[in-house]
Protein backbone atom coordinates (compact mmCIF):
# COMPACT_ATOMS: atom_id res chain seq x y z
CA MET A 1 -150.02 -14.60 63.09
CA ASN A 2 -149.69 -18.44 63.41
CA ILE A 3 -152.07 -20.68 64.79
CA GLU A 4 -151.44 -24.05 65.99
CA GLN A 5 -153.50 -26.82 67.82
CA ILE A 6 -151.64 -28.56 70.10
CA ASP A 7 -154.17 -30.99 71.64
CA ASP A 8 -158.11 -31.49 71.77
CA SER A 9 -157.97 -28.88 74.47
CA ARG A 10 -155.02 -26.37 74.00
CA VAL A 11 -154.04 -24.00 71.05
CA LEU A 12 -150.85 -21.88 70.71
CA ILE A 13 -151.10 -18.72 69.01
CA THR A 14 -148.15 -16.75 68.35
CA LEU A 15 -148.66 -13.30 67.60
CA CYS A 16 -145.07 -11.09 66.14
CA ASP A 17 -144.03 -7.47 66.60
CA GLU A 18 -146.43 -6.76 63.78
CA ASP A 19 -149.29 -8.66 64.87
CA MET A 20 -148.93 -6.80 68.20
CA LYS A 21 -148.88 -3.42 66.52
CA SER A 22 -152.10 -3.91 64.21
CA TYR A 23 -154.29 -5.01 67.49
CA SER A 24 -152.67 -2.50 69.32
CA VAL A 25 -151.60 -4.29 72.35
CA SER A 26 -148.22 -4.85 73.91
CA PHE A 27 -147.22 -7.63 76.22
CA ASP A 28 -146.58 -4.98 79.23
CA THR A 29 -150.21 -3.76 78.98
CA MET A 30 -151.87 -7.25 78.34
CA SER A 31 -154.22 -7.66 81.31
CA LEU A 32 -157.82 -9.28 81.28
CA SER A 33 -158.94 -5.94 83.68
CA ASP A 34 -158.21 -4.08 80.21
CA GLU A 35 -161.29 -4.00 77.86
CA HIS A 36 -159.37 -3.66 74.57
CA THR A 37 -157.14 -6.83 75.68
CA LYS A 38 -160.58 -8.83 76.27
CA LYS A 39 -161.68 -7.90 72.70
CA VAL A 40 -158.18 -9.09 71.45
CA LEU A 41 -158.25 -12.09 73.29
CA LYS A 42 -162.16 -12.82 71.97
CA GLN A 43 -161.39 -11.72 68.64
CA LEU A 44 -158.11 -14.37 68.71
CA MET A 45 -160.06 -17.10 70.09
CA TYR A 46 -162.78 -16.83 67.31
CA TYR A 47 -159.94 -17.21 64.95
CA ALA A 48 -158.35 -20.06 66.86
CA SER A 49 -161.73 -22.02 67.04
CA ASP A 50 -162.30 -21.07 63.34
CA LYS A 51 -158.80 -22.78 62.48
CA THR A 52 -159.21 -25.83 64.73
CA GLY A 53 -162.55 -26.51 65.45
CA ILE A 54 -161.99 -26.15 69.26
CA SER A 55 -164.83 -24.48 70.96
CA PHE A 56 -164.40 -21.75 73.67
CA GLU A 57 -167.86 -20.87 74.10
CA LYS A 58 -169.19 -21.52 77.29
CA LYS A 59 -165.66 -22.98 78.81
CA HIS A 60 -163.43 -22.36 81.47
CA ILE A 61 -160.44 -20.92 79.49
CA LEU A 62 -156.88 -20.64 81.03
CA ILE A 63 -154.86 -18.13 78.95
CA GLU A 64 -151.26 -18.18 79.24
CA ALA A 65 -148.74 -15.50 77.44
CA LEU A 66 -144.73 -15.80 77.09
CA LYS A 67 -143.32 -12.89 75.70
CA TYR A 68 -140.38 -13.72 73.24
CA GLU A 69 -137.71 -11.35 71.42
CA HIS A 70 -140.28 -10.53 68.47
CA GLY A 71 -143.56 -10.80 69.84
CA CYS A 72 -145.65 -12.62 72.14
CA ILE A 73 -146.72 -16.21 72.40
CA LEU A 74 -150.61 -17.20 73.57
CA LEU A 75 -151.55 -20.69 75.17
CA PHE A 76 -155.48 -21.07 75.39
CA THR A 77 -156.37 -24.24 77.33
CA VAL A 78 -159.92 -25.21 77.40
CA SER A 79 -161.15 -26.78 80.54
CA GLU A 80 -164.88 -28.46 81.07
CA LYS A 81 -164.53 -28.77 84.91
CA SER A 82 -166.62 -26.02 86.65
CA LYS A 83 -163.82 -25.31 89.30
CA ARG A 84 -160.38 -25.14 89.28
CA LYS A 85 -158.20 -26.91 91.81
CA ILE A 86 -156.50 -24.53 94.24
CA TYR A 87 -153.14 -25.66 95.72
CA LYS A 88 -151.90 -24.06 99.01
CA ILE A 89 -148.22 -24.04 100.08
CA LYS A 90 -148.46 -25.87 103.79
CA TYR A 91 -144.71 -25.10 104.78
CA TYR A 92 -142.22 -22.73 102.83
CA ASN A 93 -138.62 -22.94 104.11
CA ASP A 94 -135.80 -20.58 103.08
CA SER A 95 -132.53 -20.17 104.52
CA TYR A 96 -130.61 -16.78 104.96
CA ILE A 97 -126.87 -17.00 105.26
CA PHE A 98 -124.62 -14.23 106.64
CA THR A 99 -121.32 -14.14 106.57
CA PHE A 100 -118.84 -12.52 109.37
CA GLU A 101 -115.43 -11.80 109.08
CA ASN A 102 -114.29 -12.85 112.86
CA ALA A 103 -116.00 -14.48 115.81
CA GLU A 104 -116.15 -11.18 117.42
CA ALA A 105 -118.81 -9.79 115.10
CA LEU A 106 -120.76 -13.29 115.11
CA LEU A 107 -120.81 -13.25 118.82
CA SER A 108 -121.96 -9.46 118.85
CA CYS A 109 -124.77 -10.24 116.53
CA ILE A 110 -125.91 -13.30 118.10
CA GLN A 111 -126.17 -11.56 121.39
CA ALA A 112 -128.19 -8.51 119.90
CA LEU A 113 -130.74 -11.01 118.49
CA TYR A 114 -130.81 -12.99 121.69
CA PHE A 115 -131.79 -9.85 123.81
CA MET A 116 -134.54 -8.95 121.09
CA ASN A 117 -136.44 -11.63 122.99
CA ASP A 118 -138.68 -12.36 120.22
CA PHE A 119 -136.66 -14.26 118.08
CA ARG A 120 -137.56 -17.72 117.47
CA PHE A 121 -136.00 -19.27 114.07
CA ALA A 122 -134.06 -22.25 113.73
CA SER A 123 -130.35 -21.36 113.55
CA SER A 124 -126.98 -22.71 112.96
CA VAL A 125 -123.35 -21.43 112.44
CA TYR A 126 -120.71 -22.80 110.71
CA LEU A 127 -117.04 -22.15 110.40
CA ARG A 128 -115.59 -22.13 106.70
CA LYS A 129 -112.04 -20.77 105.37
CA LYS A 130 -111.58 -18.46 108.27
CA ARG A 131 -115.05 -17.19 107.95
CA TYR A 132 -118.09 -17.78 110.39
CA TYR A 133 -121.60 -17.98 108.61
CA LEU A 134 -124.90 -17.79 110.55
CA VAL A 135 -128.07 -19.67 108.84
CA ILE A 136 -131.21 -18.83 109.57
CA ASN A 137 -134.35 -21.07 108.55
CA SER A 138 -137.34 -19.30 108.18
CA PRO A 139 -140.97 -20.43 107.56
CA ALA A 140 -141.28 -16.70 106.12
CA ALA A 141 -139.52 -13.82 105.15
CA LEU A 142 -137.23 -12.42 107.89
CA LYS A 143 -138.74 -8.94 109.40
CA PRO A 144 -136.73 -5.92 108.36
CA LYS A 145 -135.94 -5.45 112.04
CA TYR A 146 -133.97 -8.64 112.35
CA ILE A 147 -132.41 -7.75 108.84
CA CYS A 148 -130.77 -4.34 109.79
CA THR A 149 -129.57 -5.78 113.53
CA ILE A 150 -127.62 -8.83 111.64
CA SER A 151 -126.53 -6.29 108.88
CA GLU A 152 -124.68 -4.52 111.47
CA PHE A 153 -122.48 -7.18 111.85
CA CYS A 154 -122.22 -9.09 109.00
CA SER A 155 -120.17 -8.41 105.50
CA HIS A 156 -122.30 -10.61 103.54
CA GLN A 157 -125.54 -12.15 103.06
CA PHE A 158 -126.94 -14.59 101.19
CA ARG A 159 -129.99 -16.57 100.45
CA GLY A 160 -131.28 -20.27 99.43
CA ARG A 161 -130.94 -23.47 100.12
CA ILE A 162 -128.37 -24.14 97.54
CA HIS A 163 -126.02 -21.81 99.51
CA THR A 164 -127.22 -23.92 102.78
CA ALA A 165 -126.24 -27.42 101.25
CA VAL A 166 -122.69 -26.37 100.35
CA LEU A 167 -121.89 -25.06 103.55
CA ARG A 168 -123.58 -28.26 105.16
CA GLU A 169 -121.13 -30.34 103.07
CA HIS A 170 -117.87 -27.95 103.16
CA ALA A 171 -117.85 -26.25 106.73
CA LYS A 172 -117.26 -26.86 109.99
CA LEU A 173 -120.46 -27.15 112.56
CA ILE A 174 -120.15 -25.41 115.31
CA SER A 175 -123.79 -25.25 116.72
CA GLU A 176 -126.97 -26.25 115.03
CA LYS A 177 -130.33 -26.07 115.24
CA ASN A 178 -130.90 -23.32 118.23
CA ALA A 179 -127.36 -21.43 117.94
CA ILE A 180 -128.88 -18.01 118.19
CA GLU A 181 -130.42 -19.47 121.69
CA ILE A 182 -127.70 -21.75 122.79
CA ILE A 183 -124.82 -19.42 122.29
CA GLY A 184 -126.69 -16.06 123.15
CA SER A 185 -127.65 -17.96 126.39
CA ALA A 186 -123.93 -18.71 127.08
CA LEU A 187 -122.70 -15.23 126.53
CA ASN A 188 -125.39 -13.89 128.84
CA HIS A 189 -124.43 -16.12 131.59
CA GLY A 190 -121.30 -15.80 130.98
CA GLY A 191 -121.22 -11.86 131.38
CA GLN A 192 -122.64 -12.23 134.69
């Protein structure tokens, strides 16, 4: 076991595999809801306090654990504050990218989504290297019913902003922002 003081409020404890065995803990089962783990962590804080002089008593402590090849690294951070800050993600945006081998498959997919009536996500269509791409920007994960419908027609699916950025830079834009609504409406009126 190695105990190292990083600064006035942080202590780093490195446990090797032998240390983990002697304390009867493993990284996978280590949890603050487990009484044995709590006892081990209290004992480690006692040793760290004795060696570094940092007091852990009646203070808020953040414990971070990192597994490495031959054991576990624990970072203890002492905080004087009684309330911790909580940050909320106000807007999460992710892109789903679906690849279609031909225009017929893409148009069939768009028509199916258009007729679902509750599909309200921003969407774009691109053409690159004789393949069509449908990009759907979603503030949350797409519902399985949408994924299943699209999967009937598409050949591949990707996810992420990087793939979207590559398409925007290297592909030809066919329809932007509300592609499903615009193309679906045109298909619906064209068939009447």
